[in-house]
Amino acid sequence: MAGKNDDLRGGFEIDFADGKSRKVKPLTIRQLRGFMKVMDKMKDLDTADDNASMSDEDIDNMVEAAAIALSKVDSELAEDADALEDALDLRCFGRLMAAAMGNDPNL
């Protein structure tokens, strides 16, 4: 049955700060459970003022959310927080979050 959903879960190619492109698919329900727990801890980072005053805790939460989104895409990177921090920038993080939630990150 998984093969039947490939067209629904096609995913999006995202270029990361480490120079690699990864195809990110929407989260599964299992992934979504953990992802939402992390998202609940994050404050709204969409405003310019918040971006200027992000705390270490905010960044740790971003990395944790990214790790969940990448766990089935690149498990080695998802398990290495230091490497993941080097592979992420704000642009690709936003695109990663959009793709993980099933939205087109190019919009």
PDB file of N, CA and C in Angstrom:
ATOM      1  N   MET A   1       0.819  -1.198   0.000  1.00  0.00           N
ATOM      2  CA  MET A   1       0.000   0.000   0.000  1.00  0.00           C
ATOM      3  C   MET A   1       0.857   1.253   0.000  1.00  0.00           C
ATOM      4  N   ALA A   2       2.044   1.185   0.539  1.00  0.00           N
ATOM      5  CA  ALA A   2       2.901   2.373   0.587  1.00  0.00           C
ATOM      6  C   ALA A   2       3.175   2.901  -0.805  1.00  0.00           C
ATOM      7  N   GLY A   3       3.362   2.014  -1.768  1.00  0.00           N
ATOM      8  CA  GLY A   3       3.626   2.438  -3.129  1.00  0.00           C
ATOM      9  C   GLY A   3       2.478   3.216  -3.731  1.00  0.00           C
ATOM     10  N   LYS A   4       1.255   2.922  -3.294  1.00  0.00           N
ATOM     11  CA  LYS A   4       0.086   3.632  -3.810  1.00  0.00           C
ATOM     12  C   LYS A   4       0.049   5.077  -3.363  1.00  0.00           C
ATOM     13  N   ASN A   5       0.746   5.414  -2.286  1.00  0.00           N
ATOM     14  CA  ASN A   5       0.724   6.781  -1.768  1.00  0.00           C
ATOM     15  C   ASN A   5       1.900   7.620  -2.256  1.00  0.00           C
ATOM     16  N   ASP A   6       2.750   7.061  -3.102  1.00  0.00           N
ATOM     17  CA  ASP A   6       3.926   7.805  -3.568  1.00  0.00           C
ATOM     18  C   ASP A   6       3.539   9.103  -4.272  1.00  0.00           C
ATOM     19  N   ASP A   7       2.434   9.081  -5.031  1.00  0.00           N
ATOM     20  CA  ASP A   7       2.031  10.300  -5.721  1.00  0.00           C
ATOM     21  C   ASP A   7       1.524  11.350  -4.747  1.00  0.00           C
ATOM     22  N   LEU A   8       0.955  10.919  -3.629  1.00  0.00           N
ATOM     23  CA  LEU A   8       0.471  11.854  -2.625  1.00  0.00           C
ATOM     24  C   LEU A   8       1.601  12.391  -1.762  1.00  0.00           C
ATOM     25  N   ARG A   9       2.637  11.587  -1.582  1.00  0.00           N
ATOM     26  CA  ARG A   9       3.751  11.943  -0.707  1.00  0.00           C
ATOM     27  C   ARG A   9       5.021  12.182  -1.520  1.00  0.00           C
ATOM     28  N   GLY A  10       4.886  12.766  -2.684  1.00  0.00           N
ATOM     29  CA  GLY A  10       6.018  12.946  -3.578  1.00  0.00           C
ATOM     30  C   GLY A  10       7.189  13.663  -2.960  1.00  0.00           C
ATOM     31  N   GLY A  11       6.937  14.658  -2.164  1.00  0.00           N
ATOM     32  CA  GLY A  11       7.998  15.394  -1.500  1.00  0.00           C
ATOM     33  C   GLY A  11       8.556  16.525  -2.344  1.00  0.00           C
ATOM     34  N   PHE A  12       9.475  17.260  -1.737  1.00  0.00           N
ATOM     35  CA  PHE A  12      10.070  18.430  -2.373  1.00  0.00           C
ATOM     36  C   PHE A  12      11.579  18.407  -2.169  1.00  0.00           C
ATOM     37  N   GLU A  13      12.318  18.732  -3.208  1.00  0.00           N
ATOM     38  CA  GLU A  13      13.774  18.849  -3.118  1.00  0.00           C
ATOM     39  C   GLU A  13      14.113  20.167  -2.434  1.00  0.00           C
ATOM     40  N   ILE A  14      14.927  20.090  -1.411  1.00  0.00           N
ATOM     41  CA  ILE A  14      15.345  21.283  -0.673  1.00  0.00           C
ATOM     42  C   ILE A  14      16.863  21.303  -0.638  1.00  0.00           C
ATOM     43  N   ASP A  15      17.436  22.447  -0.988  1.00  0.00           N
ATOM     44  CA  ASP A  15      18.881  22.642  -0.912  1.00  0.00           C
ATOM     45  C   ASP A  15      19.233  23.119   0.489  1.00  0.00           C
ATOM     46  N   PHE A  16      20.173  22.426   1.129  1.00  0.00           N
ATOM     47  CA  PHE A  16      20.582  22.751   2.487  1.00  0.00           C
ATOM     48  C   PHE A  16      21.893  23.527   2.481  1.00  0.00           C
ATOM     49  N   ALA A  17      22.205  24.130   3.614  1.00  0.00           N
ATOM     50  CA  ALA A  17      23.404  24.966   3.739  1.00  0.00           C
ATOM     51  C   ALA A  17      24.688  24.159   3.597  1.00  0.00           C
ATOM     52  N   ASP A  18      24.618  22.837   3.714  1.00  0.00           N
ATOM     53  CA  ASP A  18      25.809  22.007   3.522  1.00  0.00           C
ATOM     54  C   ASP A  18      26.047  21.670   2.053  1.00  0.00           C
ATOM     55  N   GLY A  19      25.216  22.259   1.165  1.00  0.00           N
ATOM     56  CA  GLY A  19      25.383  22.060  -0.271  1.00  0.00           C
ATOM     57  C   GLY A  19      24.666  20.839  -0.817  1.00  0.00           C
ATOM     58  N   LYS A  20      24.023  20.069   0.032  1.00  0.00           N
ATOM     59  CA  LYS A  20      23.314  18.876  -0.419  1.00  0.00           C
ATOM     60  C   LYS A  20      21.832  19.180  -0.592  1.00  0.00           C
ATOM     61  N   SER A  21      21.241  18.473  -1.532  1.00  0.00           N
ATOM     62  CA  SER A  21      19.810  18.561  -1.762  1.00  0.00           C
ATOM     63  C   SER A  21      19.177  17.285  -1.219  1.00  0.00           C
ATOM     64  N   ARG A  22      18.072  17.442  -0.510  1.00  0.00           N
ATOM     65  CA  ARG A  22      17.376  16.292   0.065  1.00  0.00           C
ATOM     66  C   ARG A  22      15.899  16.394  -0.298  1.00  0.00           C
ATOM     67  N   LYS A  23      15.300  15.237  -0.622  1.00  0.00           N
ATOM     68  CA  LYS A  23      13.875  15.199  -0.935  1.00  0.00           C
ATOM     69  C   LYS A  23      13.107  14.970   0.362  1.00  0.00           C
ATOM     70  N   VAL A  24      12.337  15.971   0.766  1.00  0.00           N
ATOM     71  CA  VAL A  24      11.606  15.942   2.028  1.00  0.00           C
ATOM     72  C   VAL A  24      10.136  15.658   1.743  1.00  0.00           C
ATOM     73  N   LYS A  25       9.624  14.635   2.424  1.00  0.00           N
ATOM     74  CA  LYS A  25       8.219  14.246   2.282  1.00  0.00           C
ATOM     75  C   LYS A  25       7.446  14.685   3.517  1.00  0.00           C
ATOM     76  N   PRO A  26       6.131  14.792   3.389  1.00  0.00           N
ATOM     77  CA  PRO A  26       5.314  15.140   4.557  1.00  0.00           C
ATOM     78  C   PRO A  26       5.511  14.138   5.688  1.00  0.00           C
ATOM     79  N   LEU A  27       5.380  14.617   6.903  1.00  0.00           N
ATOM     80  CA  LEU A  27       5.524  13.777   8.080  1.00  0.00           C
ATOM     81  C   LEU A  27       4.452  12.693   8.122  1.00  0.00           C
ATOM     82  N   THR A  28       4.833  11.547   8.657  1.00  0.00           N
ATOM     83  CA  THR A  28       3.842  10.515   8.941  1.00  0.00           C
ATOM     84  C   THR A  28       3.137  10.907  10.244  1.00  0.00           C
ATOM     85  N   ILE A  29       2.064  10.249  10.558  1.00  0.00           N
ATOM     86  CA  ILE A  29       1.347  10.532  11.805  1.00  0.00           C
ATOM     87  C   ILE A  29       2.262  10.286  13.005  1.00  0.00           C
ATOM     88  N   ARG A  30       3.056   9.231  12.965  1.00  0.00           N
ATOM     89  CA  ARG A  30       3.986   8.950  14.064  1.00  0.00           C
ATOM     90  C   ARG A  30       4.978  10.100  14.235  1.00  0.00           C
ATOM     91  N   GLN A  31       5.536  10.582  13.146  1.00  0.00           N
ATOM     92  CA  GLN A  31       6.466  11.709  13.227  1.00  0.00           C
ATOM     93  C   GLN A  31       5.754  12.969  13.712  1.00  0.00           C
ATOM     94  N   LEU A  32       4.522  13.143  13.259  1.00  0.00           N
ATOM     95  CA  LEU A  32       3.756  14.341  13.609  1.00  0.00           C
ATOM     96  C   LEU A  32       3.548  14.468  15.114  1.00  0.00           C
ATOM     97  N   ARG A  33       3.375  13.358  15.804  1.00  0.00           N
ATOM     98  CA  ARG A  33       3.180  13.396  17.258  1.00  0.00           C
ATOM     99  C   ARG A  33       4.368  14.083  17.950  1.00  0.00           C
ATOM    100  N   GLY A  34       5.571  13.630  17.651  1.00  0.00           N
ATOM    101  CA  GLY A  34       6.762  14.235  18.258  1.00  0.00           C
ATOM    102  C   GLY A  34       6.999  15.650  17.770  1.00  0.00           C
ATOM    103  N   PHE A  35       6.755  15.878  16.487  1.00  0.00           N
ATOM    104  CA  PHE A  35       6.957  17.184  15.881  1.00  0.00           C
ATOM    105  C   PHE A  35       6.084  18.237  16.552  1.00  0.00           C
ATOM    106  N   MET A  36       4.822  17.903  16.795  1.00  0.00           N
ATOM    107  CA  MET A  36       3.904  18.867  17.400  1.00  0.00           C
ATOM    108  C   MET A  36       4.290  19.192  18.840  1.00  0.00           C
ATOM    109  N   LYS A  37       4.862  18.244  19.551  1.00  0.00           N
ATOM    110  CA  LYS A  37       5.341  18.514  20.909  1.00  0.00           C
ATOM    111  C   LYS A  37       6.453  19.552  20.883  1.00  0.00           C
ATOM    112  N   VAL A  38       7.339  19.452  19.906  1.00  0.00           N
ATOM    113  CA  VAL A  38       8.424  20.426  19.765  1.00  0.00           C
ATOM    114  C   VAL A  38       7.867  21.769  19.326  1.00  0.00           C
ATOM    115  N   MET A  39       6.943  21.752  18.378  1.00  0.00           N
ATOM    116  CA  MET A  39       6.375  23.003  17.879  1.00  0.00           C
ATOM    117  C   MET A  39       5.635  23.754  18.982  1.00  0.00           C
ATOM    118  N   ASP A  40       5.009  23.027  19.894  1.00  0.00           N
ATOM    119  CA  ASP A  40       4.317  23.673  21.008  1.00  0.00           C
ATOM    120  C   ASP A  40       5.293  24.444  21.901  1.00  0.00           C
ATOM    121  N   LYS A  41       6.545  24.005  21.945  1.00  0.00           N
ATOM    122  CA  LYS A  41       7.556  24.676  22.767  1.00  0.00           C
ATOM    123  C   LYS A  41       8.117  25.925  22.085  1.00  0.00           C
ATOM    124  N   MET A  42       7.946  25.993  20.788  1.00  0.00           N
ATOM    125  CA  MET A  42       8.534  27.104  20.042  1.00  0.00           C
ATOM    126  C   MET A  42       7.598  28.301  20.052  1.00  0.00           C
ATOM    127  N   LYS A  43       8.171  29.467  20.255  1.00  0.00           N
ATOM    128  CA  LYS A  43       7.368  30.676  20.123  1.00  0.00           C
ATOM    129  C   LYS A  43       7.275  31.020  18.644  1.00  0.00           C
ATOM    130  N   ASP A  44       6.408  31.930  18.317  1.00  0.00           N
ATOM    131  CA  ASP A  44       6.221  32.326  16.931  1.00  0.00           C
ATOM    132  C   ASP A  44       7.479  33.033  16.438  1.00  0.00           C
ATOM    133  N   LEU A  45       8.156  32.392  15.493  1.00  0.00           N
ATOM    134  CA  LEU A  45       9.410  32.956  14.975  1.00  0.00           C
ATOM    135  C   LEU A  45       9.213  33.691  13.651  1.00  0.00           C
ATOM    136  N   ASP A  46       7.970  33.968  13.283  1.00  0.00           N
ATOM    137  CA  ASP A  46       7.698  34.569  11.983  1.00  0.00           C
ATOM    138  C   ASP A  46       7.915  36.075  11.934  1.00  0.00           C
ATOM    139  N   THR A  47       7.991  36.742  13.063  1.00  0.00           N
ATOM    140  CA  THR A  47       8.138  38.193  13.031  1.00  0.00           C
ATOM    141  C   THR A  47       9.610  38.575  13.095  1.00  0.00           C
ATOM    142  N   ALA A  48       9.937  39.705  12.537  1.00  0.00           N
ATOM    143  CA  ALA A  48      11.330  40.147  12.492  1.00  0.00           C
ATOM    144  C   ALA A  48      11.899  40.350  13.892  1.00  0.00           C
ATOM    145  N   ASP A  49      11.102  40.878  14.809  1.00  0.00           N
ATOM    146  CA  ASP A  49      11.581  41.104  16.171  1.00  0.00           C
ATOM    147  C   ASP A  49      11.983  39.796  16.842  1.00  0.00           C
ATOM    148  N   ASP A  50      11.180  38.751  16.654  1.00  0.00           N
ATOM    149  CA  ASP A  50      11.497  37.461  17.259  1.00  0.00           C
ATOM    150  C   ASP A  50      12.774  36.874  16.665  1.00  0.00           C
ATOM    151  N   ASN A  51      12.967  37.030  15.344  1.00  0.00           N
ATOM    152  CA  ASN A  51      14.175  36.502  14.712  1.00  0.00           C
ATOM    153  C   ASN A  51      15.422  37.169  15.269  1.00  0.00           C
ATOM    154  N   ALA A  52      15.300  38.429  15.620  1.00  0.00           N
ATOM    155  CA  ALA A  52      16.451  39.152  16.143  1.00  0.00           C
ATOM    156  C   ALA A  52      16.764  38.739  17.576  1.00  0.00           C
ATOM    157  N   SER A  53      15.806  38.158  18.263  1.00  0.00           N
ATOM    158  CA  SER A  53      16.027  37.825  19.668  1.00  0.00           C
ATOM    159  C   SER A  53      15.792  36.341  19.963  1.00  0.00           C
ATOM    160  N   MET A  54      16.135  35.488  19.029  1.00  0.00           N
ATOM    161  CA  MET A  54      15.999  34.052  19.267  1.00  0.00           C
ATOM    162  C   MET A  54      16.956  33.612  20.353  1.00  0.00           C
ATOM    163  N   SER A  55      16.454  32.815  21.263  1.00  0.00           N
ATOM    164  CA  SER A  55      17.295  32.283  22.340  1.00  0.00           C
ATOM    165  C   SER A  55      17.931  30.964  21.898  1.00  0.00           C
ATOM    166  N   ASP A  56      18.893  30.497  22.672  1.00  0.00           N
ATOM    167  CA  ASP A  56      19.490  29.190  22.411  1.00  0.00           C
ATOM    168  C   ASP A  56      18.421  28.105  22.472  1.00  0.00           C
ATOM    169  N   GLU A  57      17.463  28.262  23.388  1.00  0.00           N
ATOM    170  CA  GLU A  57      16.384  27.282  23.506  1.00  0.00           C
ATOM    171  C   GLU A  57      15.537  27.245  22.229  1.00  0.00           C
ATOM    172  N   ASP A  58      15.265  28.421  21.651  1.00  0.00           N
ATOM    173  CA  ASP A  58      14.518  28.480  20.399  1.00  0.00           C
ATOM    174  C   ASP A  58      15.270  27.742  19.293  1.00  0.00           C
ATOM    175  N   ILE A  59      16.568  27.979  19.220  1.00  0.00           N
ATOM    176  CA  ILE A  59      17.383  27.332  18.187  1.00  0.00           C
ATOM    177  C   ILE A  59      17.449  25.831  18.424  1.00  0.00           C
ATOM    178  N   ASP A  60      17.579  25.406  19.677  1.00  0.00           N
ATOM    179  CA  ASP A  60      17.573  23.971  19.993  1.00  0.00           C
ATOM    180  C   ASP A  60      16.259  23.332  19.552  1.00  0.00           C
ATOM    181  N   ASN A  61      15.149  24.021  19.764  1.00  0.00           N
ATOM    182  CA  ASN A  61      13.847  23.510  19.345  1.00  0.00           C
ATOM    183  C   ASN A  61      13.751  23.429  17.828  1.00  0.00           C
ATOM    184  N   MET A  62      14.311  24.416  17.128  1.00  0.00           N
ATOM    185  CA  MET A  62      14.330  24.381  15.670  1.00  0.00           C
ATOM    186  C   MET A  62      15.112  23.170  15.177  1.00  0.00           C
ATOM    187  N   VAL A  63      16.260  22.921  15.784  1.00  0.00           N
ATOM    188  CA  VAL A  63      17.091  21.782  15.379  1.00  0.00           C
ATOM    189  C   VAL A  63      16.360  20.469  15.673  1.00  0.00           C
ATOM    190  N   GLU A  64      15.678  20.399  16.808  1.00  0.00           N
ATOM    191  CA  GLU A  64      14.921  19.193  17.146  1.00  0.00           C
ATOM    192  C   GLU A  64      13.787  18.961  16.151  1.00  0.00           C
ATOM    193  N   ALA A  65      13.083  20.019  15.778  1.00  0.00           N
ATOM    194  CA  ALA A  65      12.004  19.897  14.791  1.00  0.00           C
ATOM    195  C   ALA A  65      12.567  19.454  13.439  1.00  0.00           C
ATOM    196  N   ALA A  66      13.699  20.027  13.048  1.00  0.00           N
ATOM    197  CA  ALA A  66      14.331  19.650  11.787  1.00  0.00           C
ATOM    198  C   ALA A  66      14.769  18.187  11.819  1.00  0.00           C
ATOM    199  N   ALA A  67      15.279  17.738  12.953  1.00  0.00           N
ATOM    200  CA  ALA A  67      15.708  16.342  13.082  1.00  0.00           C
ATOM    201  C   ALA A  67      14.539  15.388  12.875  1.00  0.00           C
ATOM    202  N   ILE A  68      13.390  15.736  13.423  1.00  0.00           N
ATOM    203  CA  ILE A  68      12.201  14.893  13.234  1.00  0.00           C
ATOM    204  C   ILE A  68      11.818  14.868  11.761  1.00  0.00           C
ATOM    205  N   ALA A  69      11.813  16.034  11.127  1.00  0.00           N
ATOM    206  CA  ALA A  69      11.440  16.114   9.714  1.00  0.00           C
ATOM    207  C   ALA A  69      12.411  15.359   8.819  1.00  0.00           C
ATOM    208  N   LEU A  70      13.669  15.281   9.222  1.00  0.00           N
ATOM    209  CA  LEU A  70      14.687  14.615   8.404  1.00  0.00           C
ATOM    210  C   LEU A  70      14.945  13.168   8.810  1.00  0.00           C
ATOM    211  N   SER A  71      14.273  12.687   9.836  1.00  0.00           N
ATOM    212  CA  SER A  71      14.588  11.362  10.373  1.00  0.00           C
ATOM    213  C   SER A  71      14.460  10.234   9.352  1.00  0.00           C
ATOM    214  N   LYS A  72      13.536  10.347   8.409  1.00  0.00           N
ATOM    215  CA  LYS A  72      13.378   9.310   7.388  1.00  0.00           C
ATOM    216  C   LYS A  72      14.047   9.686   6.075  1.00  0.00           C
ATOM    217  N   VAL A  73      14.539  10.903   5.999  1.00  0.00           N
ATOM    218  CA  VAL A  73      15.185  11.398   4.783  1.00  0.00           C
ATOM    219  C   VAL A  73      16.694  11.186   4.849  1.00  0.00           C
ATOM    220  N   ASP A  74      17.263  11.570   5.979  1.00  0.00           N
ATOM    221  CA  ASP A  74      18.707  11.467   6.198  1.00  0.00           C
ATOM    222  C   ASP A  74      18.911  11.210   7.695  1.00  0.00           C
ATOM    223  N   SER A  75      18.750   9.963   8.097  1.00  0.00           N
ATOM    224  CA  SER A  75      18.779   9.623   9.525  1.00  0.00           C
ATOM    225  C   SER A  75      20.123   9.933  10.169  1.00  0.00           C
ATOM    226  N   GLU A  76      21.205   9.794   9.424  1.00  0.00           N
ATOM    227  CA  GLU A  76      22.531  10.098   9.970  1.00  0.00           C
ATOM    228  C   GLU A  76      22.633  11.575  10.346  1.00  0.00           C
ATOM    229  N   LEU A  77      22.172  12.452   9.480  1.00  0.00           N
ATOM    230  CA  LEU A  77      22.185  13.880   9.765  1.00  0.00           C
ATOM    231  C   LEU A  77      21.222  14.205  10.905  1.00  0.00           C
ATOM    232  N   ALA A  78      20.045  13.599  10.904  1.00  0.00           N
ATOM    233  CA  ALA A  78      19.044  13.869  11.937  1.00  0.00           C
ATOM    234  C   ALA A  78      19.554  13.501  13.324  1.00  0.00           C
ATOM    235  N   GLU A  79      20.431  12.516  13.415  1.00  0.00           N
ATOM    236  CA  GLU A  79      20.942  12.053  14.703  1.00  0.00           C
ATOM    237  C   GLU A  79      22.179  12.809  15.179  1.00  0.00           C
ATOM    238  N   ASP A  80      22.706  13.712  14.355  1.00  0.00           N
ATOM    239  CA  ASP A  80      23.918  14.461  14.693  1.00  0.00           C
ATOM    240  C   ASP A  80      23.574  15.953  14.757  1.00  0.00           C
ATOM    241  N   ALA A  81      23.256  16.435  15.961  1.00  0.00           N
ATOM    242  CA  ALA A  81      22.793  17.819  16.124  1.00  0.00           C
ATOM    243  C   ALA A  81      23.813  18.836  15.628  1.00  0.00           C
ATOM    244  N   ASP A  82      25.097  18.599  15.857  1.00  0.00           N
ATOM    245  CA  ASP A  82      26.117  19.549  15.393  1.00  0.00           C
ATOM    246  C   ASP A  82      26.145  19.623  13.866  1.00  0.00           C
ATOM    247  N   ALA A  83      26.118  18.475  13.211  1.00  0.00           N
ATOM    248  CA  ALA A  83      26.108  18.462  11.746  1.00  0.00           C
ATOM    249  C   ALA A  83      24.824  19.078  11.210  1.00  0.00           C
ATOM    250  N   LEU A  84      23.714  18.824  11.897  1.00  0.00           N
ATOM    251  CA  LEU A  84      22.441  19.377  11.466  1.00  0.00           C
ATOM    252  C   LEU A  84      22.443  20.898  11.572  1.00  0.00           C
ATOM    253  N   GLU A  85      23.021  21.427  12.648  1.00  0.00           N
ATOM    254  CA  GLU A  85      23.114  22.890  12.778  1.00  0.00           C
ATOM    255  C   GLU A  85      23.930  23.480  11.632  1.00  0.00           C
ATOM    256  N   ASP A  86      24.969  22.777  11.194  1.00  0.00           N
ATOM    257  CA  ASP A  86      25.787  23.259  10.079  1.00  0.00           C
ATOM    258  C   ASP A  86      25.060  23.127   8.741  1.00  0.00           C
ATOM    259  N   ALA A  87      24.121  22.201   8.647  1.00  0.00           N
ATOM    260  CA  ALA A  87      23.395  21.969   7.394  1.00  0.00           C
ATOM    261  C   ALA A  87      22.179  22.873   7.242  1.00  0.00           C
ATOM    262  N   LEU A  88      21.774  23.538   8.322  1.00  0.00           N
ATOM    263  CA  LEU A  88      20.582  24.377   8.297  1.00  0.00           C
ATOM    264  C   LEU A  88      20.924  25.860   8.252  1.00  0.00           C
ATOM    265  N   ASP A  89      20.119  26.599   7.528  1.00  0.00           N
ATOM    266  CA  ASP A  89      20.076  28.052   7.656  1.00  0.00           C
ATOM    267  C   ASP A  89      18.594  28.416   7.735  1.00  0.00           C
ATOM    268  N   LEU A  90      18.278  29.652   7.983  1.00  0.00           N
ATOM    269  CA  LEU A  90      16.869  30.022   8.170  1.00  0.00           C
ATOM    270  C   LEU A  90      16.029  29.774   6.924  1.00  0.00           C
ATOM    271  N   ARG A  91      16.616  29.976   5.754  1.00  0.00           N
ATOM    272  CA  ARG A  91      15.874  29.764   4.507  1.00  0.00           C
ATOM    273  C   ARG A  91      15.496  28.298   4.346  1.00  0.00           C
ATOM    274  N   CYS A  92      16.473  27.405   4.463  1.00  0.00           N
ATOM    275  CA  CYS A  92      16.143  25.997   4.258  1.00  0.00           C
ATOM    276  C   CYS A  92      15.332  25.449   5.428  1.00  0.00           C
ATOM    277  N   PHE A  93      15.491  25.994   6.631  1.00  0.00           N
ATOM    278  CA  PHE A  93      14.664  25.561   7.752  1.00  0.00           C
ATOM    279  C   PHE A  93      13.188  25.839   7.457  1.00  0.00           C
ATOM    280  N   GLY A  94      12.881  27.040   6.963  1.00  0.00           N
ATOM    281  CA  GLY A  94      11.505  27.383   6.620  1.00  0.00           C
ATOM    282  C   GLY A  94      10.946  26.484   5.534  1.00  0.00           C
ATOM    283  N   ARG A  95      11.753  26.193   4.526  1.00  0.00           N
ATOM    284  CA  ARG A  95      11.317  25.305   3.442  1.00  0.00           C
ATOM    285  C   ARG A  95      11.118  23.884   3.967  1.00  0.00           C
ATOM    286  N   LEU A  96      12.007  23.444   4.866  1.00  0.00           N
ATOM    287  CA  LEU A  96      11.895  22.118   5.463  1.00  0.00           C
ATOM    288  C   LEU A  96      10.599  21.986   6.254  1.00  0.00           C
ATOM    289  N   MET A  97      10.273  23.000   7.046  1.00  0.00           N
ATOM    290  CA  MET A  97       9.051  22.958   7.844  1.00  0.00           C
ATOM    291  C   MET A  97       7.818  22.920   6.942  1.00  0.00           C
ATOM    292  N   ALA A  98       7.823  23.708   5.867  1.00  0.00           N
ATOM    293  CA  ALA A  98       6.690  23.708   4.940  1.00  0.00           C
ATOM    294  C   ALA A  98       6.525  22.330   4.310  1.00  0.00           C
ATOM    295  N   ALA A  99       7.602  21.761   3.807  1.00  0.00           N
ATOM    296  CA  ALA A  99       7.534  20.451   3.147  1.00  0.00           C
ATOM    297  C   ALA A  99       7.111  19.370   4.133  1.00  0.00           C
ATOM    298  N   ALA A 100       7.612  19.438   5.352  1.00  0.00           N
ATOM    299  CA  ALA A 100       7.258  18.434   6.378  1.00  0.00           C
ATOM    300  C   ALA A 100       5.766  18.458   6.675  1.00  0.00           C
ATOM    301  N   MET A 101       5.157  19.626   6.571  1.00  0.00           N
ATOM    302  CA  MET A 101       3.722  19.753   6.833  1.00  0.00           C
ATOM    303  C   MET A 101       2.889  19.522   5.573  1.00  0.00           C
ATOM    304  N   GLY A 102       3.543  19.153   4.479  1.00  0.00           N
ATOM    305  CA  GLY A 102       2.832  18.828   3.243  1.00  0.00           C
ATOM    306  C   GLY A 102       2.540  20.015   2.360  1.00  0.00           C
ATOM    307  N   ASN A 103       3.159  21.158   2.663  1.00  0.00           N
ATOM    308  CA  ASN A 103       2.946  22.370   1.854  1.00  0.00           C
ATOM    309  C   ASN A 103       4.093  22.563   0.878  1.00  0.00           C
ATOM    310  N   ASP A 104       3.819  23.223  -0.212  1.00  0.00           N
ATOM    311  CA  ASP A 104       4.850  23.505  -1.206  1.00  0.00           C
ATOM    312  C   ASP A 104       5.789  24.572  -0.649  1.00  0.00           C
ATOM    313  N   PRO A 105       7.059  24.242  -0.421  1.00  0.00           N
ATOM    314  CA  PRO A 105       7.996  25.214   0.157  1.00  0.00           C
ATOM    315  C   PRO A 105       8.406  26.308  -0.825  1.00  0.00           C
ATOM    316  N   ASN A 106       7.992  26.176  -2.073  1.00  0.00           N
ATOM    317  CA  ASN A 106       8.363  27.160  -3.095  1.00  0.00           C
ATOM    318  C   ASN A 106       7.368  28.302  -3.196  1.00  0.00           C
ATOM    319  N   LEU A 107       6.311  28.231  -2.409  1.00  0.00           N
ATOM    320  CA  LEU A 107       5.290  29.294  -2.488  1.00  0.00           C
ATOM    321  C   LEU A 107       5.600  30.409  -1.525  1.00  0.00           C
TER     322      LEU A 107
END
